[in-house]
């Protein structure tokens, strides 16, 4: 099974919104409310304008999208990027999150070897905690309901 990676486009809006509004994704999100499609399209359009500096990837197996990752610059630091990952709920438990995270880190660090990737993981999202820990992220601290992880080369 080969996983392919490509840059997100506006054509991905519907699947991204479906994944984001899925109850399993909302449960551990910073913002747990449903996102309306017009608001999502407006956000995605603006976000894709920054894709050259802030990567946004879709991943597929046999041309079927299975997940996404996104790296957003942290405003307080020019050298830190916050990662967000979503896996198609139909693909949960198959190791896709590990592949997506590792592929994203490999591409990012090949372009930005001196930068840091940060992740904010809900304290009850044990699957994601294990995912980031097993991929070499270090737990730094907690704030509210979220644990803060970092990874550098």
Protein backbone atom coordinates (compact mmCIF):
# COMPACT_ATOMS: atom_id res chain seq x y z
CA UNK A 1 0.00 0.00 0.00
CA UNK A 2 1.57 3.25 -1.15
CA UNK A 3 0.46 6.54 0.34
CA UNK A 4 0.81 9.57 -1.91
CA UNK A 5 1.06 13.17 -0.79
CA UNK A 6 -0.05 16.32 -2.61
CA UNK A 7 -0.86 19.93 -1.86
CA UNK A 8 -4.46 20.68 -0.89
CA UNK A 9 -6.72 22.57 -3.33
CA UNK A 10 -10.18 24.14 -3.23
CA UNK A 11 -11.49 20.91 -4.76
CA UNK A 12 -10.79 19.29 -1.37
CA UNK A 13 -13.16 21.61 0.50
CA UNK A 14 -16.05 19.15 0.87
CA UNK A 15 -14.01 16.22 2.16
CA UNK A 16 -12.02 18.44 4.54
CA UNK A 17 -15.23 19.89 5.98
CA UNK A 18 -16.75 16.42 6.36
CA UNK A 19 -13.71 15.19 8.29
CA UNK A 20 -13.53 18.34 10.43
CA UNK A 21 -17.23 18.23 11.33
CA UNK A 22 -17.13 14.53 12.21
CA UNK A 23 -17.93 14.08 15.93
CA UNK A 24 -14.67 12.18 16.53
CA UNK A 25 -12.64 15.15 15.24
CA UNK A 26 -14.72 17.79 17.01
CA UNK A 27 -14.51 15.97 20.34
CA UNK A 28 -10.79 16.73 20.67
CA UNK A 29 -10.65 20.02 18.77
CA UNK A 30 -9.97 23.41 20.29
CA UNK A 31 -13.21 24.58 18.62
CA UNK A 32 -15.82 21.84 18.97
CA UNK A 33 -18.72 23.48 17.14
CA UNK A 34 -19.90 22.52 13.66
CA UNK A 35 -18.42 24.70 10.94
CA UNK A 36 -20.82 25.96 8.24
CA UNK A 37 -19.74 25.23 4.65
CA UNK A 38 -19.56 28.90 3.62
CA UNK A 39 -17.32 29.74 6.59
CA UNK A 40 -15.12 26.74 5.81
CA UNK A 41 -14.78 27.70 2.14
CA UNK A 42 -13.82 31.25 3.09
CA UNK A 43 -11.20 29.94 5.56
CA UNK A 44 -9.82 27.39 3.06
CA UNK A 45 -9.54 29.96 0.28
CA UNK A 46 -7.52 32.27 2.54
CA UNK A 47 -5.45 29.39 3.93
CA UNK A 48 -4.46 28.12 0.47
CA UNK A 49 -3.02 31.55 -0.34
CA UNK A 50 -0.27 30.78 2.21
CA UNK A 51 0.39 27.21 1.08
CA UNK A 52 3.89 27.97 -0.26
CA UNK A 53 5.03 29.12 3.19
CA UNK A 54 2.70 27.01 5.30
CA UNK A 55 2.28 23.51 3.81
CA UNK A 56 -1.15 21.90 3.55
CA UNK A 57 -1.16 18.29 2.33
CA UNK A 58 -3.71 15.67 1.33
CA UNK A 59 -2.80 12.00 1.45
CA UNK A 60 -4.28 9.22 -0.66
CA UNK A 61 -4.14 5.48 -1.19
CA UNK A 62 -5.11 4.36 -4.70
CA UNK A 63 -6.35 7.91 -5.44
CA UNK A 64 -8.75 7.82 -2.47
CA UNK A 65 -8.00 10.58 0.05
CA UNK A 66 -7.37 9.22 3.53
CA UNK A 67 -6.21 12.24 5.51
CA UNK A 68 -4.60 15.64 5.69
CA UNK A 69 -1.87 17.55 7.48
CA UNK A 70 -1.32 21.25 7.77
CA UNK A 71 1.52 23.34 9.17
CA UNK A 72 0.64 26.83 10.35
CA UNK A 73 3.28 29.36 11.33
CA UNK A 74 3.17 30.21 15.04
CA UNK A 75 2.80 33.98 15.20
CA UNK A 76 5.11 34.41 18.19
CA UNK A 77 8.01 32.58 16.52
CA UNK A 78 9.26 32.60 12.95
CA UNK A 79 10.82 29.18 13.49
CA UNK A 80 7.84 27.22 14.86
CA UNK A 81 4.96 25.64 12.97
CA UNK A 82 1.87 24.07 14.52
CA UNK A 83 0.79 20.81 12.93
CA UNK A 84 -2.81 19.71 12.46
CA UNK A 85 -3.74 16.23 11.26
CA UNK A 86 -7.07 14.70 10.30
CA UNK A 87 -7.59 11.11 9.22
CA UNK A 88 -10.72 9.95 7.40
CA UNK A 89 -12.82 8.29 10.14
CA UNK A 90 -13.14 5.21 7.89
CA UNK A 91 -9.34 4.86 8.11
CA UNK A 92 -8.99 5.09 11.89
CA UNK A 93 -6.99 2.29 13.50
CA UNK A 94 -5.05 1.44 10.32
CA UNK A 95 -1.83 3.35 11.04
CA UNK A 96 -2.62 6.13 8.57
CA UNK A 97 -2.01 8.86 11.15
CA UNK A 98 1.52 7.58 11.74
CA UNK A 99 2.26 7.59 8.01
CA UNK A 100 0.78 11.06 7.55
CA UNK A 101 2.71 12.49 10.49
CA UNK A 102 6.01 10.92 9.48
CA UNK A 103 5.68 11.95 5.81
CA UNK A 104 4.78 15.50 6.83
CA UNK A 105 7.74 15.78 9.21
CA UNK A 106 10.13 14.37 6.61
CA UNK A 107 9.08 16.88 3.94
CA UNK A 108 8.97 19.80 6.36
CA UNK A 109 12.37 19.15 7.94
CA UNK A 110 13.99 18.61 4.54
CA UNK A 111 12.96 22.19 3.70
CA UNK A 112 13.32 23.73 7.18
CA UNK A 113 15.92 21.73 9.15
CA UNK A 114 16.31 24.39 11.84
CA UNK A 115 12.62 24.86 12.58
CA UNK A 116 10.36 23.22 15.16
CA UNK A 117 7.00 21.50 14.77
CA UNK A 118 4.58 21.91 17.68
CA UNK A 119 1.41 19.95 18.37
CA UNK A 120 -1.45 20.67 20.76
CA UNK A 121 -3.20 17.45 21.76
CA UNK A 122 -6.32 17.17 23.91
CA UNK A 123 -5.53 15.55 27.25
CA UNK A 124 -8.10 12.79 26.61
CA UNK A 125 -6.97 12.06 23.05
CA UNK A 126 -4.75 9.13 24.02
CA UNK A 127 -4.38 7.89 20.43
CA UNK A 128 -2.88 11.22 19.30
CA UNK A 129 -0.68 11.45 22.38
CA UNK A 130 0.79 8.05 21.52
CA UNK A 131 1.09 9.03 17.83
CA UNK A 132 3.17 12.14 18.56
CA UNK A 133 5.27 10.49 21.27
CA UNK A 134 6.09 7.52 19.02
CA UNK A 135 7.07 9.92 16.23
CA UNK A 136 9.71 11.64 18.36
CA UNK A 137 7.74 14.58 19.74
CA UNK A 138 8.55 15.63 23.30
CA UNK A 139 5.83 16.58 25.77
CA UNK A 140 6.70 20.04 27.09
CA UNK A 141 3.75 21.14 29.23
CA UNK A 142 -0.01 21.28 29.52
CA UNK A 143 -2.32 24.25 29.32
CA UNK A 144 -5.99 23.83 30.08
CA UNK A 145 -7.21 20.66 28.35
CA UNK A 146 -4.27 20.49 25.93
CA UNK A 147 -0.80 18.96 26.05
CA UNK A 148 1.95 20.75 24.11
CA UNK A 149 4.45 18.65 22.15
CA UNK A 150 7.48 19.72 20.10
CA UNK A 151 9.82 18.10 17.61
CA UNK A 152 13.10 19.36 16.16
CA UNK A 153 15.69 17.57 14.08
